Amino acid sequence: MWLAPITMTGTMTGTVTMINSFVLQAALAGILVAMAAGPLGCFLVWRRMAYFGDTISHSALMGIGLGVAFGVASLWAILITCIFISGVLLWLQKGNKFSTDTLLGILAHSALSVGLIVIALQDSMREDMMSFLIGDILTINIHDIIGIGLMMLFALGGLYTIWAPLLSITVHEDLARAEGVNVLRVKIIYMLLIALLVAFAMKVVGALLITSLMIIPAAAARNIARSPGQMAILSMITGSLSVIMGIMASSLWDLPAGPAIVLSAVILFLAGRAVPNHFRV
């Protein structure tokens, strides 16, 4: 008789420990992604290129489908596809016949349509459609965390090396070119960093929400930041808080984690709007 409660307690303890492990791993992975997404997203906000993030994230969905169709690892398929779409964008911009917004709209919806069609043709992928679109952060394992951590270090290191010229291009592209900045090279490096981030962040918030993790924390940080560097740091903090709040909400109310993280970022953005700051960047 006395064995039953002990066995039950042990089982419950093991279950709680396992759940806590999943939650902690998910939170760590999300924070690592947020730390890379925030500073990279600042330039999307400054350069008014939010639609570029959507284009790359939709390209990632196409990369997943093509990767399965041709037997290529998802990570490499996503990177190659995102880099290809970025190159197409740079090539189309040379003609100056259409605005960047128009080109991004064409590429984003084309990539999304191709991705959805390819995924629909793969019977083995149809059941995973929602995880591709909104992520599945609670399935993150230690190997994913290591990969995301390395991505974060590489992304922040790469952004640090091009910070000054990229900031110059953001302020005035023609003036930066006159000062000797290799505009094309800096743009290519920045696009590669975005593609790298999207490839590793797909599992966290999915193809449809990854842009929001770049844009919303950066916009929230802009509410209270007084310099570009301060905005980059605050965007990392805001993104990390969004991840923690979203995962807590997901655990308490059984919500999908990805959308909960995004809504948490929106709440922080709205809260930041209430803070008076006459020196916003």
Protein backbone atom coordinates (compact mmCIF):
# COMPACT_ATOMS: atom_id res chain seq x y z
CA MET A 1 0.00 0.00 0.00
CA TRP A 2 2.75 2.49 0.86
CA LEU A 3 4.50 1.95 -2.49
CA ALA A 4 1.74 3.53 -4.56
CA PRO A 5 2.02 7.11 -3.34
CA ILE A 6 5.81 6.97 -3.61
CA THR A 7 5.63 5.76 -7.20
CA MET A 8 3.04 8.39 -8.05
CA THR A 9 5.14 11.15 -6.51
CA GLY A 10 8.20 10.00 -8.40
CA THR A 11 6.27 9.91 -11.67
CA MET A 12 4.81 13.36 -11.08
CA THR A 13 8.22 14.75 -10.18
CA GLY A 14 9.77 13.27 -13.31
CA THR A 15 6.95 14.68 -15.46
CA VAL A 16 7.31 18.16 -13.94
CA THR A 17 11.07 18.03 -14.41
CA MET A 18 10.64 17.03 -18.05
CA ILE A 19 8.12 19.85 -18.64
CA ASN A 20 10.39 22.36 -16.94
CA SER A 21 13.28 21.16 -19.12
CA PHE A 22 11.25 21.69 -22.29
CA VAL A 23 10.16 25.15 -21.16
CA LEU A 24 13.68 26.21 -20.18
CA GLN A 25 15.14 24.97 -23.48
CA ALA A 26 12.42 26.78 -25.41
CA ALA A 27 13.02 29.99 -23.47
CA LEU A 28 16.78 29.82 -23.99
CA ALA A 29 16.41 29.21 -27.72
CA GLY A 30 13.91 32.05 -28.04
CA ILE A 31 16.14 34.47 -26.13
CA LEU A 32 19.13 33.61 -28.33
CA VAL A 33 17.05 34.26 -31.45
CA ALA A 34 15.73 37.52 -29.99
CA MET A 35 19.25 38.73 -29.22
CA ALA A 36 20.17 38.36 -32.89
CA ALA A 37 16.82 39.48 -34.31
CA GLY A 38 16.63 42.74 -32.36
CA PRO A 39 19.75 44.53 -33.67
CA LEU A 40 19.24 43.20 -37.20
CA GLY A 41 15.63 44.35 -37.05
CA CYS A 42 16.69 47.86 -36.05
CA PHE A 43 18.04 48.43 -39.54
CA LEU A 44 14.84 47.10 -41.07
CA VAL A 45 12.97 49.71 -39.04
CA TRP A 46 15.40 52.53 -39.83
CA ARG A 47 15.51 51.70 -43.54
CA ARG A 48 11.74 51.07 -43.69
CA MET A 49 12.36 47.58 -45.06
CA ALA A 50 9.94 45.57 -42.93
CA TYR A 51 8.62 43.94 -46.10
CA PHE A 52 12.12 42.61 -46.80
CA GLY A 53 11.88 40.51 -43.65
CA ASP A 54 8.59 39.05 -44.89
CA THR A 55 10.16 38.28 -48.24
CA ILE A 56 13.04 36.36 -46.68
CA SER A 57 10.78 34.49 -44.26
CA HIS A 58 8.47 33.44 -47.09
CA SER A 59 11.54 32.33 -49.02
CA ALA A 60 12.42 30.11 -46.06
CA LEU A 61 9.11 28.32 -46.42
CA MET A 62 9.88 27.71 -50.08
CA GLY A 63 13.33 26.48 -49.06
CA ILE A 64 11.85 23.89 -46.70
CA GLY A 65 9.59 22.53 -49.43
CA LEU A 66 12.36 22.40 -52.02
CA GLY A 67 14.74 20.86 -49.52
CA VAL A 68 12.37 17.94 -48.87
CA ALA A 69 11.60 17.57 -52.59
CA PHE A 70 15.29 17.35 -53.55
CA GLY A 71 16.57 15.62 -50.43
CA VAL A 72 18.60 18.57 -49.14
CA ALA A 73 18.92 19.36 -45.43
CA SER A 74 16.37 22.00 -44.41
CA LEU A 75 18.94 24.43 -43.00
CA TRP A 76 21.01 24.50 -46.20
CA ALA A 77 17.90 24.60 -48.39
CA ILE A 78 16.57 27.62 -46.46
CA LEU A 79 19.91 29.45 -46.61
CA ILE A 80 20.37 28.84 -50.34
CA THR A 81 16.80 29.88 -51.15
CA CYS A 82 16.96 33.05 -49.02
CA ILE A 83 20.31 34.02 -50.53
CA PHE A 84 18.92 33.39 -54.02
CA ILE A 85 15.86 35.58 -53.39
CA SER A 86 18.08 38.33 -51.93
CA GLY A 87 20.24 38.19 -55.06
CA VAL A 88 17.18 38.41 -57.29
CA LEU A 89 16.05 41.48 -55.36
CA LEU A 90 19.42 43.21 -55.79
CA TRP A 91 19.36 42.37 -59.52
CA LEU A 92 15.81 43.68 -60.01
CA GLN A 93 16.62 46.90 -58.16
CA LYS A 94 19.23 47.82 -60.77
CA GLY A 95 16.60 48.62 -63.38
CA ASN A 96 14.87 51.25 -61.22
CA LYS A 97 11.63 50.52 -63.07
CA PHE A 98 9.73 49.52 -59.93
CA SER A 99 9.88 50.63 -56.32
CA THR A 100 11.49 48.34 -53.76
CA ASP A 101 8.09 47.78 -52.10
CA THR A 102 6.64 46.53 -55.37
CA LEU A 103 9.55 44.16 -55.98
CA LEU A 104 9.41 42.86 -52.41
CA GLY A 105 5.68 42.26 -52.74
CA ILE A 106 6.18 40.26 -55.93
CA LEU A 107 9.03 38.19 -54.50
CA ALA A 108 7.37 37.60 -51.11
CA HIS A 109 4.10 36.31 -52.51
CA SER A 110 5.82 34.34 -55.26
CA ALA A 111 8.07 32.58 -52.74
CA LEU A 112 5.15 31.92 -50.38
CA SER A 113 3.01 30.49 -53.19
CA VAL A 114 5.78 28.23 -54.46
CA GLY A 115 6.52 27.07 -50.93
CA LEU A 116 2.90 26.22 -50.14
CA ILE A 117 2.47 24.36 -53.44
CA VAL A 118 5.65 22.32 -52.97
CA ILE A 119 4.71 21.48 -49.38
CA ALA A 120 1.18 20.49 -50.46
CA LEU A 121 2.69 18.06 -52.98
CA GLN A 122 4.71 16.35 -50.24
CA ASP A 123 2.36 14.04 -48.33
CA SER A 124 4.82 13.70 -45.45
CA MET A 125 4.86 17.48 -44.87
CA ARG A 126 1.17 18.31 -44.81
CA GLU A 127 0.77 17.39 -41.15
CA ASP A 128 3.63 19.73 -40.19
CA MET A 129 2.22 22.76 -42.02
CA MET A 130 1.32 24.69 -38.85
CA SER A 131 4.75 24.13 -37.32
CA PHE A 132 6.33 25.57 -40.48
CA LEU A 133 4.05 28.61 -40.37
CA ILE A 134 4.04 29.49 -36.65
CA GLY A 135 6.96 27.46 -35.32
CA ASP A 136 7.21 24.73 -32.70
CA ILE A 137 9.49 26.14 -30.04
CA LEU A 138 8.59 23.51 -27.42
CA THR A 139 10.28 20.81 -29.51
CA ILE A 140 13.65 22.58 -29.31
CA ASN A 141 16.47 20.29 -28.16
CA ILE A 142 20.02 20.91 -26.99
CA HIS A 143 21.45 20.53 -30.51
CA ASP A 144 19.06 23.22 -31.76
CA ILE A 145 20.14 25.50 -28.93
CA ILE A 146 23.82 25.07 -29.79
CA GLY A 147 23.13 25.85 -33.44
CA ILE A 148 21.01 28.90 -32.57
CA GLY A 149 23.70 30.10 -30.13
CA LEU A 150 26.39 29.88 -32.80
CA MET A 151 24.09 31.69 -35.23
CA MET A 152 23.53 34.46 -32.70
CA LEU A 153 27.25 34.95 -32.15
CA PHE A 154 27.96 34.94 -35.89
CA ALA A 155 25.07 37.32 -36.65
CA LEU A 156 26.05 39.81 -33.95
CA GLY A 157 29.73 39.56 -34.92
CA GLY A 158 28.91 40.14 -38.58
CA LEU A 159 26.63 43.06 -37.76
CA TYR A 160 29.35 44.58 -35.57
CA THR A 161 31.82 44.54 -38.46
CA ILE A 162 29.44 46.39 -40.81
CA TRP A 163 27.70 48.54 -38.20
CA ALA A 164 29.35 51.85 -39.12
CA PRO A 165 29.06 51.57 -42.94
CA LEU A 166 25.52 50.14 -42.70
CA LEU A 167 24.52 53.03 -40.46
CA SER A 168 26.04 55.46 -42.96
CA ILE A 169 24.07 53.86 -45.79
CA THR A 170 20.92 54.05 -43.69
CA VAL A 171 21.39 57.77 -43.03
CA HIS A 172 22.28 58.70 -46.64
CA GLU A 173 23.20 56.07 -49.20
CA ASP A 174 24.63 58.43 -51.84
CA LEU A 175 26.76 60.25 -49.28
CA ALA A 176 28.04 56.93 -47.92
CA ARG A 177 29.00 55.87 -51.45
CA ALA A 178 30.80 59.18 -51.97
CA GLU A 179 32.74 58.56 -48.76
CA GLY A 180 34.03 55.28 -50.15
CA VAL A 181 31.62 52.81 -48.57
CA ASN A 182 31.15 49.67 -50.66
CA VAL A 183 27.35 49.85 -50.56
CA LEU A 184 26.69 46.64 -52.48
CA ARG A 185 29.03 44.56 -50.32
CA VAL A 186 27.53 45.89 -47.08
CA LYS A 187 24.01 45.21 -48.35
CA ILE A 188 24.94 41.66 -49.34
CA ILE A 189 26.48 40.93 -45.94
CA TYR A 190 23.41 42.32 -44.17
CA MET A 191 21.06 40.24 -46.32
CA LEU A 192 23.14 37.13 -45.63
CA LEU A 193 22.87 37.76 -41.89
CA ILE A 194 19.08 38.10 -42.19
CA ALA A 195 18.94 34.85 -44.17
CA LEU A 196 21.04 33.10 -41.51
CA LEU A 197 18.76 34.35 -38.74
CA VAL A 198 15.60 33.23 -40.54
CA ALA A 199 17.04 29.78 -41.24
CA PHE A 200 17.73 29.14 -37.56
CA ALA A 201 14.65 30.93 -36.19
CA MET A 202 12.08 28.99 -38.23
CA LYS A 203 11.56 26.45 -35.46
CA VAL A 204 11.04 29.17 -32.87
CA VAL A 205 8.28 31.34 -34.38
CA GLY A 206 7.79 29.98 -37.91
CA ALA A 207 7.90 31.53 -41.36
CA LEU A 208 4.92 33.84 -40.88
CA LEU A 209 6.07 35.31 -37.56
CA ILE A 210 9.84 35.60 -37.73
CA THR A 211 9.64 39.10 -39.22
CA SER A 212 7.60 40.24 -36.24
CA LEU A 213 10.41 39.16 -33.89
CA MET A 214 12.74 41.46 -35.84
CA ILE A 215 10.40 44.41 -36.29
CA ILE A 216 8.27 44.69 -33.14
CA PRO A 217 11.04 44.58 -30.47
CA ALA A 218 13.06 47.06 -32.53
CA ALA A 219 10.03 49.34 -32.84
CA ALA A 220 9.35 48.99 -29.11
CA ALA A 221 12.96 49.90 -28.35
CA ARG A 222 12.70 52.93 -30.60
CA ASN A 223 10.01 54.29 -28.28
CA ILE A 224 12.53 54.82 -25.50
CA ALA A 225 16.00 54.72 -27.10
CA ARG A 226 18.09 57.86 -27.50
CA SER A 227 20.80 56.53 -29.82
CA PRO A 228 21.20 53.77 -32.43
CA GLY A 229 23.42 51.71 -30.12
CA GLN A 230 20.98 52.05 -27.24
CA MET A 231 18.12 51.03 -29.51
CA ALA A 232 19.98 47.87 -30.58
CA ILE A 233 20.58 46.85 -26.95
CA LEU A 234 17.02 47.65 -25.89
CA SER A 235 15.66 45.65 -28.82
CA MET A 236 17.56 42.60 -27.54
CA ILE A 237 16.10 43.10 -24.05
CA THR A 238 12.59 43.68 -25.39
CA GLY A 239 12.77 40.62 -27.60
CA SER A 240 14.00 38.47 -24.72
CA LEU A 241 11.20 39.70 -22.46
CA SER A 242 8.70 38.94 -25.22
CA VAL A 243 9.97 35.36 -25.41
CA ILE A 244 9.73 34.87 -21.64
CA MET A 245 6.25 36.41 -21.46
CA GLY A 246 5.03 34.44 -24.47
CA ILE A 247 6.27 31.09 -23.19
CA MET A 248 4.78 31.77 -19.75
CA ALA A 249 1.43 32.62 -21.36
CA SER A 250 1.66 29.51 -23.51
CA SER A 251 2.33 27.32 -20.47
CA LEU A 252 -0.43 28.87 -18.35
CA TRP A 253 -3.22 29.08 -20.92
CA ASP A 254 -2.20 26.39 -23.44
CA LEU A 255 -1.63 28.90 -26.25
CA PRO A 256 0.56 28.40 -29.34
CA ALA A 257 3.97 29.67 -28.22
CA GLY A 258 4.97 31.55 -31.40
CA PRO A 259 1.89 33.80 -31.60
CA ALA A 260 2.00 34.30 -27.82
CA ILE A 261 5.58 35.60 -28.11
CA VAL A 262 4.57 38.01 -30.87
CA LEU A 263 1.57 39.32 -28.92
CA SER A 264 3.82 39.84 -25.90
CA ALA A 265 6.11 41.95 -28.08
CA VAL A 266 3.09 43.99 -29.21
CA ILE A 267 2.12 44.60 -25.58
CA LEU A 268 5.64 45.87 -24.83
CA PHE A 269 5.51 48.07 -27.93
CA LEU A 270 2.21 49.64 -26.83
CA ALA A 271 3.56 50.11 -23.31
CA GLY A 272 6.60 51.87 -24.74
CA ARG A 273 4.41 54.28 -26.66
CA ALA A 274 3.13 55.59 -23.35
CA VAL A 275 6.66 56.58 -22.25
CA PRO A 276 7.44 60.22 -23.07
CA ASN A 277 10.74 60.55 -24.91
CA HIS A 278 11.66 63.61 -26.91
CA PHE A 279 14.98 62.16 -28.08
CA ARG A 280 13.81 59.07 -29.91
CA VAL A 281 15.96 57.77 -32.76
